[in-house]
N, C-alpha and C. Protein backbone atom coordinates (compact mmCIF):
# COMPACT_ATOMS: atom_id res chain seq x y z
N UNK A 1 0.86 -1.17 0.00
CA UNK A 1 0.00 0.00 0.00
C UNK A 1 0.90 1.23 0.00
N UNK A 2 0.64 2.20 -0.86
CA UNK A 2 1.48 3.39 -0.91
C UNK A 2 1.37 4.21 0.37
N UNK A 3 2.49 4.84 0.72
CA UNK A 3 2.50 5.70 1.90
C UNK A 3 1.65 6.94 1.65
N UNK A 4 0.91 7.31 2.66
CA UNK A 4 0.17 8.56 2.64
C UNK A 4 0.68 9.37 3.82
N UNK A 5 0.38 10.64 3.88
CA UNK A 5 0.89 11.45 5.00
C UNK A 5 0.53 10.87 6.37
N UNK A 6 -0.60 10.17 6.45
CA UNK A 6 -1.07 9.68 7.74
C UNK A 6 -0.66 8.23 8.01
N UNK A 7 -0.03 7.55 7.04
CA UNK A 7 0.27 6.13 7.16
C UNK A 7 1.10 5.80 8.39
N UNK A 8 2.02 6.64 8.73
CA UNK A 8 2.94 6.31 9.82
C UNK A 8 2.48 6.82 11.18
N UNK A 9 1.35 7.48 11.24
CA UNK A 9 0.83 7.87 12.55
C UNK A 9 0.06 6.68 13.11
N UNK A 10 -0.11 6.66 14.41
CA UNK A 10 -0.85 5.56 15.02
C UNK A 10 -2.26 5.47 14.45
N UNK A 11 -2.93 6.61 14.30
CA UNK A 11 -4.28 6.60 13.76
C UNK A 11 -4.30 6.03 12.35
N UNK A 12 -3.39 6.47 11.52
CA UNK A 12 -3.34 5.98 10.14
C UNK A 12 -3.04 4.50 10.08
N UNK A 13 -2.14 4.04 10.90
CA UNK A 13 -1.76 2.63 10.91
C UNK A 13 -2.91 1.74 11.36
N UNK A 14 -3.56 2.15 12.45
CA UNK A 14 -4.68 1.35 12.94
C UNK A 14 -5.89 1.45 12.02
N UNK A 15 -6.10 2.60 11.40
CA UNK A 15 -7.16 2.70 10.41
C UNK A 15 -6.88 1.74 9.26
N UNK A 16 -5.65 1.68 8.81
CA UNK A 16 -5.28 0.77 7.72
C UNK A 16 -5.56 -0.68 8.12
N UNK A 17 -5.24 -1.03 9.37
CA UNK A 17 -5.51 -2.38 9.86
C UNK A 17 -7.01 -2.68 9.79
N UNK A 18 -7.83 -1.79 10.34
CA UNK A 18 -9.27 -2.03 10.33
C UNK A 18 -9.85 -1.97 8.92
N UNK A 19 -9.28 -1.16 8.07
CA UNK A 19 -9.72 -1.12 6.67
C UNK A 19 -9.48 -2.47 6.01
N UNK A 20 -8.29 -3.04 6.20
CA UNK A 20 -7.98 -4.36 5.62
C UNK A 20 -8.91 -5.43 6.20
N UNK A 21 -9.14 -5.39 7.51
CA UNK A 21 -10.04 -6.35 8.14
C UNK A 21 -11.44 -6.22 7.55
N UNK A 22 -11.90 -4.98 7.35
CA UNK A 22 -13.22 -4.75 6.76
C UNK A 22 -13.34 -5.29 5.35
N UNK A 23 -12.31 -5.05 4.54
CA UNK A 23 -12.33 -5.56 3.17
C UNK A 23 -12.32 -7.09 3.17
N UNK A 24 -11.48 -7.67 4.02
CA UNK A 24 -11.46 -9.13 4.13
C UNK A 24 -12.81 -9.66 4.60
N UNK A 25 -13.45 -8.93 5.50
CA UNK A 25 -14.78 -9.33 5.96
C UNK A 25 -15.79 -9.35 4.82
N UNK A 26 -15.75 -8.33 3.98
CA UNK A 26 -16.68 -8.28 2.84
C UNK A 26 -16.40 -9.41 1.86
N UNK A 27 -15.12 -9.62 1.54
CA UNK A 27 -14.75 -10.67 0.58
C UNK A 27 -15.08 -12.06 1.12
N UNK A 28 -14.77 -12.29 2.39
CA UNK A 28 -15.03 -13.61 2.96
C UNK A 28 -16.53 -13.86 3.11
N UNK A 29 -17.29 -12.82 3.43
CA UNK A 29 -18.74 -12.98 3.54
C UNK A 29 -19.34 -13.39 2.19
N UNK A 30 -18.94 -12.71 1.13
CA UNK A 30 -19.47 -13.03 -0.20
C UNK A 30 -19.09 -14.46 -0.59
N UNK A 31 -17.86 -14.84 -0.32
CA UNK A 31 -17.39 -16.18 -0.64
C UNK A 31 -18.18 -17.22 0.14
N UNK A 32 -18.34 -16.99 1.44
CA UNK A 32 -19.03 -17.95 2.29
C UNK A 32 -20.51 -18.06 1.93
N UNK A 33 -21.15 -16.92 1.72
CA UNK A 33 -22.58 -16.95 1.40
C UNK A 33 -22.85 -17.63 0.07
N UNK A 34 -21.91 -17.57 -0.85
CA UNK A 34 -22.07 -18.24 -2.14
C UNK A 34 -22.11 -19.76 -1.97
N UNK A 35 -21.58 -20.26 -0.88
CA UNK A 35 -21.52 -21.70 -0.63
C UNK A 35 -22.65 -22.19 0.28
N UNK A 36 -23.40 -21.27 0.88
CA UNK A 36 -24.49 -21.67 1.78
C UNK A 36 -25.72 -22.08 0.96
N UNK A 37 -26.55 -22.94 1.53
CA UNK A 37 -27.79 -23.30 0.84
C UNK A 37 -28.64 -22.06 0.58
N UNK A 38 -29.42 -22.13 -0.47
CA UNK A 38 -30.27 -20.99 -0.84
C UNK A 38 -31.17 -20.59 0.33
N UNK A 39 -31.28 -19.29 0.52
CA UNK A 39 -32.12 -18.75 1.58
C UNK A 39 -31.40 -18.55 2.89
N UNK A 40 -30.17 -19.01 2.99
CA UNK A 40 -29.38 -18.82 4.20
C UNK A 40 -28.29 -17.80 3.94
N UNK A 41 -28.02 -16.98 4.94
CA UNK A 41 -26.99 -15.95 4.82
C UNK A 41 -26.02 -16.08 5.99
N UNK A 42 -24.97 -15.32 5.94
CA UNK A 42 -23.93 -15.42 6.95
C UNK A 42 -24.45 -15.26 8.38
N UNK A 43 -25.37 -14.33 8.66
CA UNK A 43 -25.87 -14.25 10.04
C UNK A 43 -26.46 -15.56 10.56
N UNK A 44 -27.07 -16.34 9.70
CA UNK A 44 -27.58 -17.64 10.13
C UNK A 44 -26.42 -18.51 10.61
N UNK A 45 -25.38 -18.58 9.80
CA UNK A 45 -24.22 -19.38 10.16
C UNK A 45 -23.56 -18.85 11.43
N UNK A 46 -23.37 -17.53 11.51
CA UNK A 46 -22.62 -16.99 12.64
C UNK A 46 -23.35 -17.20 13.98
N UNK A 47 -24.67 -17.19 13.96
CA UNK A 47 -25.40 -17.48 15.20
C UNK A 47 -25.17 -18.93 15.61
N UNK A 48 -25.28 -19.84 14.67
CA UNK A 48 -25.03 -21.26 14.97
C UNK A 48 -23.60 -21.44 15.47
N UNK A 49 -22.66 -20.84 14.77
CA UNK A 49 -21.26 -20.97 15.15
C UNK A 49 -21.01 -20.38 16.55
N UNK A 50 -21.64 -19.26 16.83
CA UNK A 50 -21.50 -18.63 18.15
C UNK A 50 -22.04 -19.55 19.24
N UNK A 51 -23.20 -20.14 19.01
CA UNK A 51 -23.80 -21.02 20.01
C UNK A 51 -22.93 -22.25 20.26
N UNK A 52 -22.28 -22.74 19.23
CA UNK A 52 -21.37 -23.88 19.41
C UNK A 52 -20.13 -23.43 20.18
N UNK A 53 -19.64 -22.25 19.87
CA UNK A 53 -18.42 -21.75 20.51
C UNK A 53 -18.63 -21.40 21.98
N UNK A 54 -19.74 -20.74 22.32
CA UNK A 54 -19.95 -20.28 23.69
C UNK A 54 -20.94 -21.13 24.48
N UNK A 55 -21.60 -22.04 23.85
CA UNK A 55 -22.60 -22.94 24.42
C UNK A 55 -24.00 -22.39 24.16
N UNK A 56 -24.88 -23.29 23.76
CA UNK A 56 -26.25 -22.85 23.49
C UNK A 56 -27.00 -22.66 24.81
N UNK A 57 -28.25 -22.23 24.68
CA UNK A 57 -29.03 -21.89 25.86
C UNK A 57 -29.04 -20.40 26.13
N UNK A 58 -28.53 -19.61 25.19
CA UNK A 58 -28.55 -18.15 25.33
C UNK A 58 -29.94 -17.62 25.00
N UNK A 59 -30.25 -16.46 25.54
CA UNK A 59 -31.53 -15.82 25.21
C UNK A 59 -31.34 -14.99 23.93
N UNK A 60 -32.43 -14.70 23.24
CA UNK A 60 -32.32 -13.83 22.07
C UNK A 60 -31.68 -12.48 22.41
N UNK A 61 -31.99 -11.94 23.58
CA UNK A 61 -31.39 -10.66 23.98
C UNK A 61 -29.88 -10.80 24.17
N UNK A 62 -29.44 -11.88 24.79
CA UNK A 62 -27.99 -12.10 24.94
C UNK A 62 -27.31 -12.20 23.57
N UNK A 63 -27.96 -12.88 22.65
CA UNK A 63 -27.40 -13.01 21.31
C UNK A 63 -27.36 -11.66 20.59
N UNK A 64 -28.44 -10.90 20.71
CA UNK A 64 -28.47 -9.58 20.09
C UNK A 64 -27.34 -8.71 20.62
N UNK A 65 -27.12 -8.76 21.91
CA UNK A 65 -26.03 -7.98 22.50
C UNK A 65 -24.67 -8.47 22.02
N UNK A 66 -24.50 -9.78 21.94
CA UNK A 66 -23.22 -10.34 21.49
C UNK A 66 -22.90 -9.90 20.07
N UNK A 67 -23.94 -9.83 19.23
CA UNK A 67 -23.73 -9.44 17.82
C UNK A 67 -23.93 -7.95 17.59
N UNK A 68 -24.31 -7.24 18.63
CA UNK A 68 -24.54 -5.80 18.56
C UNK A 68 -25.54 -5.44 17.46
N UNK A 69 -26.67 -6.16 17.49
CA UNK A 69 -27.76 -5.89 16.57
C UNK A 69 -29.03 -5.68 17.39
N UNK A 70 -30.04 -5.03 16.82
CA UNK A 70 -31.31 -4.89 17.54
C UNK A 70 -31.92 -6.26 17.82
N UNK A 71 -32.65 -6.37 18.91
CA UNK A 71 -33.28 -7.64 19.25
C UNK A 71 -34.22 -8.10 18.15
N UNK A 72 -34.87 -7.14 17.47
CA UNK A 72 -35.79 -7.52 16.38
C UNK A 72 -35.04 -8.20 15.25
N UNK A 73 -33.83 -7.74 14.96
CA UNK A 73 -33.02 -8.38 13.90
C UNK A 73 -32.65 -9.79 14.31
N UNK A 74 -32.25 -9.95 15.58
CA UNK A 74 -31.89 -11.28 16.06
C UNK A 74 -33.10 -12.20 16.05
N UNK A 75 -34.24 -11.67 16.45
CA UNK A 75 -35.47 -12.47 16.45
C UNK A 75 -35.78 -12.97 15.05
N UNK A 76 -35.58 -12.12 14.06
CA UNK A 76 -35.81 -12.51 12.65
C UNK A 76 -34.83 -13.61 12.24
N UNK A 77 -33.56 -13.45 12.59
CA UNK A 77 -32.56 -14.47 12.25
C UNK A 77 -32.90 -15.79 12.93
N UNK A 78 -33.26 -15.74 14.19
CA UNK A 78 -33.60 -16.95 14.93
C UNK A 78 -34.85 -17.62 14.36
N UNK A 79 -35.80 -16.83 13.90
CA UNK A 79 -37.01 -17.41 13.30
C UNK A 79 -36.65 -18.20 12.05
N UNK A 80 -35.71 -17.68 11.26
CA UNK A 80 -35.25 -18.40 10.07
C UNK A 80 -34.55 -19.70 10.43
N UNK A 81 -33.76 -19.66 11.48
CA UNK A 81 -33.07 -20.87 11.93
C UNK A 81 -34.05 -21.89 12.50
N UNK A 82 -35.04 -21.40 13.22
CA UNK A 82 -36.04 -22.30 13.79
C UNK A 82 -36.89 -22.94 12.69
N UNK A 83 -37.24 -22.16 11.69
CA UNK A 83 -38.04 -22.65 10.56
C UNK A 83 -37.33 -23.80 9.85
N UNK A 84 -36.00 -23.72 9.78
CA UNK A 84 -35.20 -24.76 9.12
C UNK A 84 -34.84 -25.91 10.06
N UNK A 85 -35.26 -25.80 11.31
CA UNK A 85 -35.00 -26.87 12.27
C UNK A 85 -33.59 -26.87 12.83
N UNK A 86 -32.89 -25.74 12.74
CA UNK A 86 -31.51 -25.65 13.23
C UNK A 86 -31.43 -25.27 14.70
N UNK A 87 -32.47 -24.63 15.21
CA UNK A 87 -32.54 -24.29 16.64
C UNK A 87 -33.96 -24.55 17.12
N UNK A 88 -34.07 -24.70 18.43
CA UNK A 88 -35.38 -24.73 19.07
C UNK A 88 -35.39 -23.64 20.13
N UNK A 89 -36.56 -23.11 20.38
CA UNK A 89 -36.74 -22.09 21.40
C UNK A 89 -37.47 -22.74 22.56
N UNK A 90 -36.88 -22.59 23.75
CA UNK A 90 -37.48 -23.17 24.95
C UNK A 90 -37.68 -22.06 25.99
N UNK A 91 -38.65 -22.25 26.85
CA UNK A 91 -38.89 -21.30 27.94
C UNK A 91 -37.64 -21.26 28.81
N UNK A 92 -37.24 -20.07 29.17
CA UNK A 92 -36.10 -19.86 30.05
C UNK A 92 -36.51 -20.26 31.47
N UNK A 93 -35.86 -21.27 32.06
CA UNK A 93 -36.26 -21.69 33.41
C UNK A 93 -35.98 -20.62 34.48
N UNK A 94 -35.08 -19.68 34.19
CA UNK A 94 -34.76 -18.61 35.14
C UNK A 94 -35.71 -17.42 35.03
N UNK A 95 -36.39 -17.31 33.88
CA UNK A 95 -37.28 -16.18 33.64
C UNK A 95 -38.29 -16.61 32.58
N UNK A 96 -39.45 -17.05 33.00
CA UNK A 96 -40.45 -17.60 32.09
C UNK A 96 -40.93 -16.60 31.04
N UNK A 97 -40.58 -15.32 31.20
CA UNK A 97 -40.97 -14.31 30.20
C UNK A 97 -40.08 -14.37 28.96
N UNK A 98 -38.92 -15.02 29.07
CA UNK A 98 -38.01 -15.08 27.93
C UNK A 98 -37.79 -16.52 27.50
N UNK A 99 -37.12 -16.66 26.39
CA UNK A 99 -36.83 -17.98 25.84
C UNK A 99 -35.32 -18.16 25.76
N UNK A 100 -34.93 -19.40 25.56
CA UNK A 100 -33.53 -19.73 25.33
C UNK A 100 -33.43 -20.43 23.98
N UNK A 101 -32.28 -20.26 23.33
CA UNK A 101 -32.05 -20.83 22.02
C UNK A 101 -31.16 -22.06 22.18
N UNK A 102 -31.63 -23.17 21.66
CA UNK A 102 -30.90 -24.43 21.75
C UNK A 102 -30.66 -24.98 20.35
N UNK A 103 -29.45 -25.43 20.12
CA UNK A 103 -29.11 -26.03 18.83
C UNK A 103 -29.73 -27.41 18.70
N UNK A 104 -30.06 -27.74 17.47
CA UNK A 104 -30.52 -29.10 17.17
C UNK A 104 -29.37 -29.83 16.48
N UNK A 105 -29.52 -31.13 16.32
CA UNK A 105 -28.52 -31.89 15.58
C UNK A 105 -28.42 -31.38 14.15
N UNK A 106 -29.55 -30.99 13.59
CA UNK A 106 -29.54 -30.44 12.22
C UNK A 106 -28.74 -29.14 12.17
N UNK A 107 -28.84 -28.32 13.20
CA UNK A 107 -28.07 -27.08 13.26
C UNK A 107 -26.58 -27.35 13.33
N UNK A 108 -26.19 -28.33 14.10
CA UNK A 108 -24.78 -28.70 14.19
C UNK A 108 -24.27 -29.25 12.86
N UNK A 109 -25.11 -30.06 12.21
CA UNK A 109 -24.72 -30.59 10.89
C UNK A 109 -24.61 -29.47 9.86
N UNK A 110 -25.53 -28.49 9.93
CA UNK A 110 -25.47 -27.34 9.02
C UNK A 110 -24.13 -26.64 9.14
N UNK A 111 -23.67 -26.39 10.35
CA UNK A 111 -22.38 -25.73 10.57
C UNK A 111 -21.25 -26.56 9.96
N UNK A 112 -21.24 -27.85 10.26
CA UNK A 112 -20.17 -28.71 9.73
C UNK A 112 -20.19 -28.74 8.21
N UNK A 113 -21.38 -28.82 7.64
CA UNK A 113 -21.51 -28.86 6.18
C UNK A 113 -21.08 -27.53 5.56
N UNK A 114 -21.43 -26.43 6.20
CA UNK A 114 -21.03 -25.11 5.69
C UNK A 114 -19.51 -24.96 5.69
N UNK A 115 -18.87 -25.40 6.75
CA UNK A 115 -17.41 -25.31 6.81
C UNK A 115 -16.78 -26.21 5.75
N UNK A 116 -17.32 -27.41 5.59
CA UNK A 116 -16.80 -28.31 4.56
C UNK A 116 -17.01 -27.71 3.16
N UNK A 117 -18.10 -26.99 2.98
CA UNK A 117 -18.39 -26.39 1.68
C UNK A 117 -17.41 -25.31 1.26
N UNK A 118 -16.81 -24.65 2.23
CA UNK A 118 -15.87 -23.58 1.91
C UNK A 118 -14.42 -24.10 1.90
N UNK A 119 -14.22 -25.34 2.29
CA UNK A 119 -12.87 -25.91 2.37
C UNK A 119 -12.08 -25.78 1.05
N UNK A 120 -12.68 -26.06 -0.10
CA UNK A 120 -11.90 -25.91 -1.34
C UNK A 120 -11.45 -24.46 -1.58
N UNK A 121 -12.28 -23.51 -1.22
CA UNK A 121 -11.91 -22.10 -1.38
C UNK A 121 -10.75 -21.75 -0.46
N UNK A 122 -10.80 -22.25 0.76
CA UNK A 122 -9.71 -21.99 1.71
C UNK A 122 -8.42 -22.66 1.25
N UNK A 123 -8.54 -23.86 0.71
CA UNK A 123 -7.36 -24.54 0.18
C UNK A 123 -6.75 -23.73 -0.96
N UNK A 124 -7.59 -23.06 -1.72
CA UNK A 124 -7.13 -22.26 -2.85
C UNK A 124 -6.34 -21.02 -2.45
N UNK A 125 -6.45 -20.61 -1.20
CA UNK A 125 -5.68 -19.44 -0.74
C UNK A 125 -4.61 -19.82 0.28
N UNK A 126 -4.49 -21.11 0.55
CA UNK A 126 -3.57 -21.57 1.59
C UNK A 126 -2.11 -21.26 1.28
N UNK A 127 -1.80 -21.02 0.02
CA UNK A 127 -0.41 -20.71 -0.33
C UNK A 127 -0.05 -19.24 -0.04
N UNK A 128 -1.02 -18.46 0.40
CA UNK A 128 -0.78 -17.05 0.69
C UNK A 128 0.04 -16.87 1.96
N UNK A 129 -0.30 -17.62 2.99
CA UNK A 129 0.40 -17.59 4.28
C UNK A 129 0.62 -19.02 4.73
N UNK A 130 1.78 -19.31 5.30
CA UNK A 130 1.98 -20.67 5.82
C UNK A 130 1.25 -20.80 7.15
N UNK A 131 1.00 -22.04 7.59
CA UNK A 131 0.23 -22.25 8.82
C UNK A 131 0.77 -21.51 10.04
N UNK A 132 2.07 -21.40 10.18
CA UNK A 132 2.62 -20.68 11.34
C UNK A 132 2.26 -19.20 11.27
N UNK A 133 2.29 -18.62 10.08
CA UNK A 133 1.90 -17.21 9.93
C UNK A 133 0.41 -17.03 10.22
N UNK A 134 -0.40 -17.97 9.76
CA UNK A 134 -1.84 -17.91 10.01
C UNK A 134 -2.10 -17.97 11.52
N UNK A 135 -1.44 -18.89 12.21
CA UNK A 135 -1.61 -18.99 13.67
C UNK A 135 -1.22 -17.69 14.35
N UNK A 136 -0.12 -17.08 13.92
CA UNK A 136 0.33 -15.82 14.52
C UNK A 136 -0.69 -14.70 14.29
N UNK A 137 -1.24 -14.63 13.08
CA UNK A 137 -2.25 -13.61 12.77
C UNK A 137 -3.51 -13.85 13.61
N UNK A 138 -3.94 -15.11 13.71
CA UNK A 138 -5.12 -15.43 14.51
C UNK A 138 -4.90 -15.02 15.96
N UNK A 139 -3.74 -15.35 16.50
CA UNK A 139 -3.45 -15.00 17.89
C UNK A 139 -3.50 -13.48 18.10
N UNK A 140 -2.92 -12.72 17.19
CA UNK A 140 -2.92 -11.26 17.33
C UNK A 140 -4.34 -10.69 17.19
N UNK A 141 -5.08 -11.21 16.22
CA UNK A 141 -6.45 -10.73 16.04
C UNK A 141 -7.33 -11.10 17.24
N UNK A 142 -7.12 -12.28 17.81
CA UNK A 142 -7.89 -12.68 18.99
C UNK A 142 -7.59 -11.75 20.17
N UNK A 143 -6.34 -11.37 20.31
CA UNK A 143 -5.96 -10.43 21.37
C UNK A 143 -6.67 -9.09 21.17
N UNK A 144 -6.67 -8.61 19.94
CA UNK A 144 -7.35 -7.35 19.63
C UNK A 144 -8.85 -7.46 19.86
N UNK A 145 -9.45 -8.58 19.44
CA UNK A 145 -10.89 -8.80 19.64
C UNK A 145 -11.24 -8.80 21.12
N UNK A 146 -10.46 -9.50 21.91
CA UNK A 146 -10.75 -9.55 23.35
C UNK A 146 -10.66 -8.17 23.99
N UNK A 147 -9.68 -7.40 23.58
CA UNK A 147 -9.53 -6.04 24.11
C UNK A 147 -10.72 -5.17 23.74
N UNK A 148 -11.11 -5.24 22.47
CA UNK A 148 -12.24 -4.41 22.01
C UNK A 148 -13.55 -4.90 22.62
N UNK A 149 -13.70 -6.21 22.77
CA UNK A 149 -14.92 -6.76 23.35
C UNK A 149 -15.05 -6.32 24.81
N UNK A 150 -13.95 -6.34 25.54
CA UNK A 150 -13.97 -5.91 26.94
C UNK A 150 -14.27 -4.41 27.05
N UNK A 151 -13.83 -3.64 26.08
CA UNK A 151 -14.04 -2.19 26.12
C UNK A 151 -15.50 -1.80 25.89
N UNK A 152 -16.28 -2.65 25.26
CA UNK A 152 -17.68 -2.31 24.97
C UNK A 152 -18.59 -2.62 26.13
N UNK A 153 -18.13 -3.39 27.08
CA UNK A 153 -18.99 -3.79 28.22
C UNK A 153 -19.09 -2.70 29.25
């Protein structure tokens, strides 16, 4: 990337980092969504993936907060997942006014199938960075994510 007057300032450098992350996010989203079954989009996958990563049984409000989206948007996403049999909604035993989201076996299979579906695309870019470089980038990005996630609470 060519140097600009602001490139070497902290603001310019960190803006460049987030700009690259944003572009990668757009490119990876388009690639991933092209491999998902018709009618499913990345938010469907990311909710399933999140529930597997942090454990299911979350409330729609907890999920909305985790994804920083309005509860109505999360409710819409969850309705699509429930319609496809990927999640079930159960009464929250701690607060009968709310529900909890639970993964089904079909939801877990959907995640595994989606990841397998993008495997050839990932193999096609594997020569860009070797596995040790990828691990180092993941570790640094995870550190940044944890810092930013803690700052929003």
